[in-house]
Amino acid sequence: MQQINPDNYQQQLDEKLSNLTSDFAGLSLPNIAVYPSEPLNFRMRAEFRIWHDNGQAHYAMNKPGENRPYIIKDFPIGSKQINQLMPGLLVEINKSEVLSRRLFTAEFLTTQSGEALITLIYHKVLNEEWQDAALQLQEILGVAIIGRSRKQKTVLDRDFVIEKLQVSGKNYQYQQVETGFTQPNAGVNQKMLSWALDQSATCSGDLLELYCGNGNFTCVLAQNFDKVLATEISKLSVRSAEYNLAANNVDNVTIVRMSSEEFTEALNGVRPFRRLKGIDLGSYKFTTIFVDPPRAGLDDETVALVKRFDNIIYISCNPSTLKTNLESIIETHTIERFAVFDQFPYTHHLESGVLLKKK
């Protein structure tokens, strides 16, 4: 597996910045604001293969394209809590044939606020004997345990953690559900939220947000707008977003479970949607659109949609698709701000943030 050396952190970040600057050379970027990560213990979630050898279970990972597992003893990029839980969990698994038999994956979800959730995934039915053993494990480790197998999910206590983040001096809390998408690097996520809040400070009017997830950005950005209409396709994420809006006392947001493509059709009057019943799209005075799409970026129809707004705030996890989208968007908008967030140190991945304003 790749060696993690914090002494090389700045070098790896500089290399990614150099590559991005070269790739975006034709777009006349403003000065790039750089937001680094902590070099160690930055990742709040992790997934490990469980490798069984000579009657003992081990944590293991695979290199891309290889089947041979690499046994690992620790996980330096993982949160301190993950590293504290790893050895204790393994000891208990190896002490219990019920817990270890046909176990093939262990997943950790932790928070800066000290909560943790462990999911154990099996190739077997989880019966009462497993539940009794897992309840004992939960008590020993002091964290919530979930068991999964084919078409089965056994929740012993709860299936979520509550993360607490501080953004520009204000505290926020977020329900993060097991299997739901969350930003893995909580420290960098706080920097992304602060940056987005600053960029939207002078936008006013109403905000349209696509791909809102669990309301990560929504809860923070809503204070800068009169009304917010946010869309998300995942039922799980919509439920968490509604929970998080209430938990953070945000009352000017309406969430609609729709894809960006569907909402574009609705806004263009292509066809009606029952999920928009009771929502008067014409009553919104949208000045700004916020997008945080998956790695595939924005489709052509959504690019055409965002170009209709005065202000565009674009968070991207894929510089390649971001560049493609920007090559079209700059026909109508200028790039006012550009930032990079090292969400995934020691990988080629780099998160970006762009503020664009209509010409």
Protein backbone atom coordinates (compact mmCIF):
# COMPACT_ATOMS: atom_id res chain seq x y z
CA MET A 1 0.00 0.00 0.00
CA GLN A 2 1.05 3.64 -0.47
CA GLN A 3 3.32 4.94 2.29
CA ILE A 4 1.94 7.97 4.11
CA ASN A 5 4.66 10.40 5.09
CA PRO A 6 3.50 13.73 6.53
CA ASP A 7 6.89 15.21 5.65
CA ASN A 8 5.89 14.85 1.99
CA TYR A 9 2.46 16.42 2.42
CA GLN A 10 3.27 19.83 0.96
CA GLN A 11 5.13 18.28 -1.97
CA GLN A 12 2.16 16.13 -2.98
CA LEU A 13 -0.16 19.14 -2.73
CA ASP A 14 2.21 21.29 -4.80
CA GLU A 15 2.28 18.61 -7.50
CA LYS A 16 -1.51 18.53 -7.68
CA LEU A 17 -1.65 22.31 -7.89
CA SER A 18 0.93 22.32 -10.66
CA ASN A 19 -1.08 19.77 -12.64
CA LEU A 20 -4.31 21.73 -12.18
CA THR A 21 -2.68 25.02 -13.20
CA SER A 22 -1.31 23.38 -16.33
CA ASP A 23 -4.61 21.71 -17.23
CA PHE A 24 -6.59 24.96 -16.75
CA ALA A 25 -4.04 27.20 -18.48
CA GLY A 26 -6.50 28.25 -21.19
CA LEU A 27 -9.17 29.50 -18.75
CA SER A 28 -7.37 32.58 -17.32
CA LEU A 29 -7.93 31.68 -13.69
CA PRO A 30 -7.65 34.30 -10.94
CA ASN A 31 -5.20 33.68 -8.11
CA ILE A 32 -5.98 30.26 -6.69
CA ALA A 33 -6.79 30.11 -2.98
CA VAL A 34 -5.36 26.94 -1.47
CA TYR A 35 -6.87 25.18 1.54
CA PRO A 36 -4.65 22.33 2.77
CA SER A 37 -5.61 19.38 4.94
CA GLU A 38 -4.10 18.10 8.12
CA PRO A 39 -1.38 15.67 6.97
CA LEU A 40 -2.57 12.87 9.29
CA ASN A 41 -5.81 11.66 10.93
CA PHE A 42 -8.02 13.65 8.55
CA ARG A 43 -10.31 10.94 7.22
CA MET A 44 -13.46 10.40 9.27
CA ARG A 45 -14.61 7.19 7.61
CA ALA A 46 -12.87 4.06 6.39
CA GLU A 47 -13.63 0.65 4.92
CA PHE A 48 -11.39 -2.40 5.39
CA ARG A 49 -11.47 -5.86 3.93
CA ILE A 50 -11.28 -8.58 6.58
CA TRP A 51 -8.72 -11.18 5.57
CA HIS A 52 -8.82 -14.57 7.33
CA ASP A 53 -5.52 -16.46 7.60
CA ASN A 54 -4.69 -19.41 9.88
CA GLY A 55 -7.77 -18.82 11.96
CA GLN A 56 -7.06 -15.13 12.53
CA ALA A 57 -8.81 -12.11 11.06
CA HIS A 58 -6.75 -9.16 9.80
CA TYR A 59 -7.50 -5.77 8.28
CA ALA A 60 -6.47 -5.70 4.64
CA MET A 61 -6.64 -3.56 1.53
CA ASN A 62 -6.11 -4.22 -2.15
CA LYS A 63 -4.11 -2.25 -4.66
CA PRO A 64 -6.21 -1.33 -7.71
CA GLY A 65 -6.16 -4.18 -10.22
CA GLU A 66 -4.71 -6.70 -7.75
CA ASN A 67 -6.47 -9.47 -5.85
CA ARG A 68 -3.67 -10.06 -3.35
CA PRO A 69 -4.55 -8.40 -0.03
CA TYR A 70 -2.12 -6.27 1.94
CA ILE A 71 -2.50 -6.72 5.67
CA ILE A 72 -2.47 -3.39 7.51
CA LYS A 73 -1.83 -2.67 11.17
CA ASP A 74 -2.89 0.97 11.32
CA PHE A 75 -4.42 3.69 9.18
CA PRO A 76 -2.53 6.97 9.62
CA ILE A 77 -4.86 9.02 7.41
CA GLY A 78 -7.85 7.83 9.44
CA SER A 79 -9.19 9.79 12.39
CA LYS A 80 -7.60 9.19 15.77
CA GLN A 81 -10.83 7.50 16.81
CA ILE A 82 -10.65 5.03 13.92
CA ASN A 83 -7.08 4.14 14.89
CA GLN A 84 -8.10 3.73 18.53
CA LEU A 85 -11.00 1.43 17.63
CA MET A 86 -9.21 -0.74 15.07
CA PRO A 87 -7.10 -2.94 17.41
CA GLY A 88 -9.85 -3.42 19.98
CA LEU A 89 -12.37 -4.46 17.34
CA LEU A 90 -9.93 -6.96 15.86
CA VAL A 91 -9.21 -8.50 19.26
CA GLU A 92 -12.91 -9.04 19.93
CA ILE A 93 -13.53 -10.44 16.44
CA ASN A 94 -10.72 -12.96 16.87
CA LYS A 95 -12.04 -13.99 20.30
CA SER A 96 -15.51 -14.79 18.91
CA GLU A 97 -16.19 -17.39 16.24
CA VAL A 98 -19.71 -15.96 15.93
CA LEU A 99 -18.40 -12.49 15.09
CA SER A 100 -15.53 -13.60 12.86
CA ARG A 101 -17.13 -16.36 10.78
CA ARG A 102 -17.79 -15.19 7.21
CA LEU A 103 -17.05 -11.56 8.09
CA PHE A 104 -15.56 -9.84 5.03
CA THR A 105 -15.77 -6.06 5.61
CA ALA A 106 -15.56 -3.62 8.50
CA GLU A 107 -16.60 0.02 8.02
CA PHE A 108 -15.94 2.89 10.43
CA LEU A 109 -17.81 6.19 10.55
CA THR A 110 -16.51 8.74 13.07
CA THR A 111 -16.97 12.42 13.86
CA GLN A 112 -14.99 15.33 15.24
CA SER A 113 -17.55 15.38 18.05
CA GLY A 114 -16.43 11.93 19.27
CA GLU A 115 -19.24 9.70 17.99
CA ALA A 116 -18.54 6.48 16.11
CA LEU A 117 -20.38 3.76 14.23
CA ILE A 118 -19.00 0.40 13.05
CA THR A 119 -20.67 -1.71 10.36
CA LEU A 120 -19.74 -5.40 10.04
CA ILE A 121 -20.65 -7.02 6.72
CA TYR A 122 -21.06 -10.78 6.35
CA HIS A 123 -21.63 -13.61 3.92
CA LYS A 124 -24.16 -15.25 6.27
CA VAL A 125 -27.54 -14.69 7.90
CA LEU A 126 -27.27 -12.70 11.10
CA ASN A 127 -29.26 -14.61 13.73
CA GLU A 128 -29.98 -14.05 17.44
CA GLU A 129 -26.63 -15.60 18.40
CA TRP A 130 -24.86 -12.96 16.29
CA GLN A 131 -26.99 -10.20 17.80
CA ASP A 132 -26.10 -11.30 21.34
CA ALA A 133 -22.40 -11.32 20.49
CA ALA A 134 -22.66 -7.96 18.72
CA LEU A 135 -24.44 -6.40 21.70
CA GLN A 136 -21.54 -7.48 23.91
CA LEU A 137 -19.10 -6.03 21.37
CA GLN A 138 -21.04 -2.76 21.33
CA GLU A 139 -20.79 -2.52 25.12
CA ILE A 140 -17.05 -3.32 25.16
CA LEU A 141 -16.13 -0.79 22.46
CA GLY A 142 -18.64 1.85 23.52
CA VAL A 143 -19.80 2.56 19.96
CA ALA A 144 -22.87 1.67 17.88
CA ILE A 145 -22.66 -1.57 15.87
CA ILE A 146 -24.59 -2.46 12.71
CA GLY A 147 -24.60 -5.85 11.01
CA ARG A 148 -25.21 -6.31 7.31
CA SER A 149 -25.58 -9.28 5.01
CA ARG A 150 -27.47 -9.97 1.81
CA LYS A 151 -30.90 -8.31 2.12
CA GLN A 152 -30.40 -7.87 5.86
CA LYS A 153 -29.54 -4.88 8.06
CA THR A 154 -29.43 -5.32 11.82
CA VAL A 155 -29.27 -2.08 13.81
CA LEU A 156 -28.54 -2.66 17.49
CA ASP A 157 -28.75 0.96 18.61
CA ARG A 158 -28.78 3.54 15.79
CA ASP A 159 -27.59 3.86 12.21
CA PHE A 160 -26.24 7.41 12.32
CA VAL A 161 -23.80 9.71 14.07
CA ILE A 162 -24.12 13.42 14.81
CA GLU A 163 -21.22 15.52 13.53
CA LYS A 164 -20.58 19.01 14.86
CA LEU A 165 -18.81 21.55 12.66
CA GLN A 166 -17.79 25.15 13.22
CA VAL A 167 -18.11 27.52 10.25
CA SER A 168 -17.12 31.17 10.54
CA GLY A 169 -17.57 31.10 14.30
CA LYS A 170 -20.99 29.43 14.23
CA ASN A 171 -21.71 25.84 15.29
CA TYR A 172 -23.65 23.41 13.11
CA GLN A 173 -24.72 19.81 13.65
CA TYR A 174 -25.34 17.16 11.03
CA GLN A 175 -26.92 13.74 11.12
CA GLN A 176 -24.67 11.41 9.09
CA VAL A 177 -26.37 8.13 8.25
CA GLU A 178 -24.54 4.88 7.61
CA THR A 179 -24.32 4.33 3.79
CA GLY A 180 -25.27 7.99 3.19
CA PHE A 181 -22.76 10.29 1.51
CA THR A 182 -20.78 12.57 3.79
CA GLN A 183 -17.63 14.59 3.24
CA PRO A 184 -14.80 12.31 4.48
CA ASN A 185 -12.41 15.08 5.54
CA ALA A 186 -14.25 17.07 8.23
CA GLY A 187 -11.50 19.66 8.66
CA VAL A 188 -11.40 20.51 4.96
CA ASN A 189 -15.19 20.39 4.81
CA GLN A 190 -15.31 23.23 7.34
CA LYS A 191 -12.97 25.24 5.11
CA MET A 192 -15.17 24.54 2.07
CA LEU A 193 -18.28 25.66 3.95
CA SER A 194 -16.60 28.89 5.11
CA TRP A 195 -15.40 29.62 1.58
CA ALA A 196 -18.86 29.05 0.07
CA LEU A 197 -20.45 31.22 2.76
CA ASP A 198 -18.04 34.04 1.97
CA GLN A 199 -18.64 33.81 -1.80
CA SER A 200 -22.42 34.02 -1.36
CA ALA A 201 -22.31 36.93 1.11
CA THR A 202 -23.21 39.59 -1.50
CA CYS A 203 -25.53 37.51 -3.69
CA SER A 204 -28.89 38.10 -1.88
CA GLY A 205 -32.22 37.13 -3.51
CA ASP A 206 -33.10 33.43 -3.67
CA LEU A 207 -30.83 30.40 -4.07
CA LEU A 208 -31.28 27.26 -6.12
CA GLU A 209 -29.11 24.36 -4.96
CA LEU A 210 -28.69 21.16 -6.96
CA TYR A 211 -27.29 17.94 -5.41
CA CYS A 212 -27.82 19.15 -1.84
CA GLY A 213 -27.06 15.77 -0.21
CA ASN A 214 -27.67 15.83 3.52
CA GLY A 215 -27.81 19.64 3.54
CA ASN A 216 -24.10 20.05 4.23
CA PHE A 217 -23.87 23.37 2.35
CA THR A 218 -27.58 24.20 2.56
CA CYS A 219 -27.62 24.70 6.32
CA VAL A 220 -24.76 27.20 6.08
CA LEU A 221 -25.66 29.09 2.89
CA ALA A 222 -29.34 29.65 3.71
CA GLN A 223 -28.54 32.63 5.96
CA ASN A 224 -27.37 34.67 2.95
CA PHE A 225 -30.63 34.29 0.98
CA ASP A 226 -34.32 35.07 1.33
CA LYS A 227 -35.43 31.61 0.21
CA VAL A 228 -33.66 28.43 -0.88
CA LEU A 229 -34.96 25.65 -3.11
CA ALA A 230 -32.74 22.58 -2.91
CA THR A 231 -32.91 19.33 -4.88
CA GLU A 232 -31.55 15.86 -4.11
CA ILE A 233 -32.38 12.48 -5.66
CA SER A 234 -31.47 10.18 -2.74
CA LYS A 235 -34.35 9.51 -0.32
CA LEU A 236 -31.85 8.80 2.46
CA SER A 237 -30.07 12.11 1.93
CA VAL A 238 -33.34 14.05 1.71
CA ARG A 239 -34.43 12.68 5.09
CA SER A 240 -31.07 13.64 6.62
CA ALA A 241 -31.22 17.09 5.03
CA GLU A 242 -34.66 17.73 6.51
CA TYR A 243 -33.39 16.57 9.91
CA ASN A 244 -30.31 18.79 9.66
CA LEU A 245 -32.25 21.87 8.62
CA ALA A 246 -34.50 21.48 11.65
CA ALA A 247 -31.55 20.76 13.96
CA ASN A 248 -29.84 23.96 12.82
CA ASN A 249 -33.04 26.08 12.99
CA VAL A 250 -33.01 26.81 9.25
CA ASP A 251 -36.57 27.64 8.15
CA ASN A 252 -36.25 29.24 4.69
CA VAL A 253 -35.39 26.08 2.72
CA THR A 254 -37.65 23.79 0.68
CA ILE A 255 -36.19 20.44 -0.42
CA VAL A 256 -37.49 18.55 -3.44
CA ARG A 257 -36.50 14.96 -4.25
CA MET A 258 -35.55 15.35 -7.90
CA SER A 259 -32.53 14.87 -10.09
CA SER A 260 -30.90 17.91 -11.68
CA GLU A 261 -32.14 16.73 -15.07
CA GLU A 262 -35.72 16.49 -13.81
CA PHE A 263 -35.61 19.89 -12.17
CA THR A 264 -34.23 21.44 -15.35
CA GLU A 265 -37.24 20.02 -17.22
CA ALA A 266 -39.58 21.39 -14.56
CA LEU A 267 -38.05 24.86 -14.65
CA ASN A 268 -38.20 24.87 -18.44
CA GLY A 269 -41.85 23.79 -18.37
CA VAL A 270 -41.14 20.60 -20.31
CA ARG A 271 -43.46 18.56 -18.09
CA PRO A 272 -45.10 18.81 -14.66
CA PHE A 273 -43.91 16.84 -11.63
CA ARG A 274 -46.15 15.74 -8.77
CA ARG A 275 -43.19 16.18 -6.43
CA LEU A 276 -43.43 19.95 -7.10
CA LYS A 277 -47.08 20.12 -6.15
CA GLY A 278 -47.66 23.13 -3.91
CA ILE A 279 -44.37 24.76 -4.93
CA ASP A 280 -44.72 27.93 -7.00
CA LEU A 281 -41.48 28.08 -8.96
CA GLY A 282 -42.52 31.46 -10.33
CA SER A 283 -42.47 32.97 -6.84
CA TYR A 284 -38.72 32.50 -6.50
CA LYS A 285 -36.39 35.33 -7.41
CA PHE A 286 -33.33 33.23 -8.11
CA THR A 287 -30.08 35.14 -8.37
CA THR A 288 -27.68 32.34 -7.50
CA ILE A 289 -27.24 28.65 -8.18
CA PHE A 290 -25.06 26.35 -6.12
CA VAL A 291 -23.98 22.99 -7.56
CA ASP A 292 -21.92 20.18 -6.06
CA PRO A 293 -22.27 17.41 -8.66
CA PRO A 294 -20.83 13.88 -8.66
CA ARG A 295 -17.58 13.14 -10.47
CA ALA A 296 -19.36 13.09 -13.85
CA GLY A 297 -19.95 16.85 -13.52
CA LEU A 298 -22.93 18.69 -15.01
CA ASP A 299 -24.79 17.33 -18.03
CA ASP A 300 -25.33 19.64 -21.00
CA GLU A 301 -28.88 20.58 -20.01
CA THR A 302 -27.82 21.51 -16.48
CA VAL A 303 -24.91 23.56 -17.84
CA ALA A 304 -27.44 25.48 -19.94
CA LEU A 305 -29.54 25.96 -16.82
CA VAL A 306 -26.76 27.35 -14.61
CA LYS A 307 -25.80 29.85 -17.32
CA ARG A 308 -29.16 31.58 -16.74
CA PHE A 309 -28.18 32.68 -13.21
CA ASP A 310 -26.33 35.84 -12.22
CA ASN A 311 -24.08 33.98 -9.77
CA ILE A 312 -22.80 30.41 -9.94
CA ILE A 313 -21.01 28.68 -7.07
CA TYR A 314 -19.60 25.37 -8.29
CA ILE A 315 -17.99 22.81 -5.98
CA SER A 316 -16.24 20.05 -7.93
CA CYS A 317 -14.60 16.77 -6.95
CA ASN A 318 -13.23 16.20 -10.47
CA PRO A 319 -11.05 18.87 -12.15
CA SER A 320 -11.45 17.17 -15.53
CA THR A 321 -15.24 17.48 -15.72
CA LEU A 322 -15.08 20.89 -14.04
CA LYS A 323 -12.82 22.15 -16.82
CA THR A 324 -15.19 20.83 -19.48
CA ASN A 325 -18.17 22.53 -17.81
CA LEU A 326 -16.29 25.81 -17.33
CA GLU A 327 -15.29 25.94 -21.00
CA SER A 328 -19.00 26.32 -21.76
CA ILE A 329 -19.99 28.46 -18.76
CA ILE A 330 -17.36 31.15 -19.44
CA GLU A 331 -19.22 31.98 -22.65
CA THR A 332 -21.66 33.88 -20.42
CA HIS A 333 -19.82 34.24 -17.10
CA THR A 334 -16.44 35.30 -15.75
CA ILE A 335 -14.49 33.33 -13.17
CA GLU A 336 -14.24 35.62 -10.14
CA ARG A 337 -12.82 33.24 -7.54
CA PHE A 338 -11.11 29.86 -7.71
CA ALA A 339 -10.12 27.71 -4.73
CA VAL A 340 -8.75 24.22 -4.21
CA PHE A 341 -9.38 22.08 -1.13
CA ASP A 342 -7.13 19.10 -0.45
CA GLN A 343 -9.96 16.81 0.58
CA PHE A 344 -8.02 13.63 -0.35
CA PRO A 345 -4.30 14.00 0.47
CA TYR A 346 -1.83 11.50 -1.03
CA THR A 347 -4.20 10.77 -3.95
CA HIS A 348 -4.56 12.48 -7.33
CA HIS A 349 -7.99 13.80 -6.32
CA LEU A 350 -8.47 17.52 -5.70
CA GLU A 351 -11.65 19.36 -4.72
CA SER A 352 -12.27 22.77 -6.28
CA GLY A 353 -14.56 25.73 -5.72
CA VAL A 354 -15.44 28.34 -8.34
CA LEU A 355 -17.45 31.55 -8.17
CA LEU A 356 -18.69 32.83 -11.52
CA LYS A 357 -20.66 36.00 -12.30
CA LYS A 358 -22.65 36.80 -15.41
CA LYS A 359 -20.87 39.11 -17.85
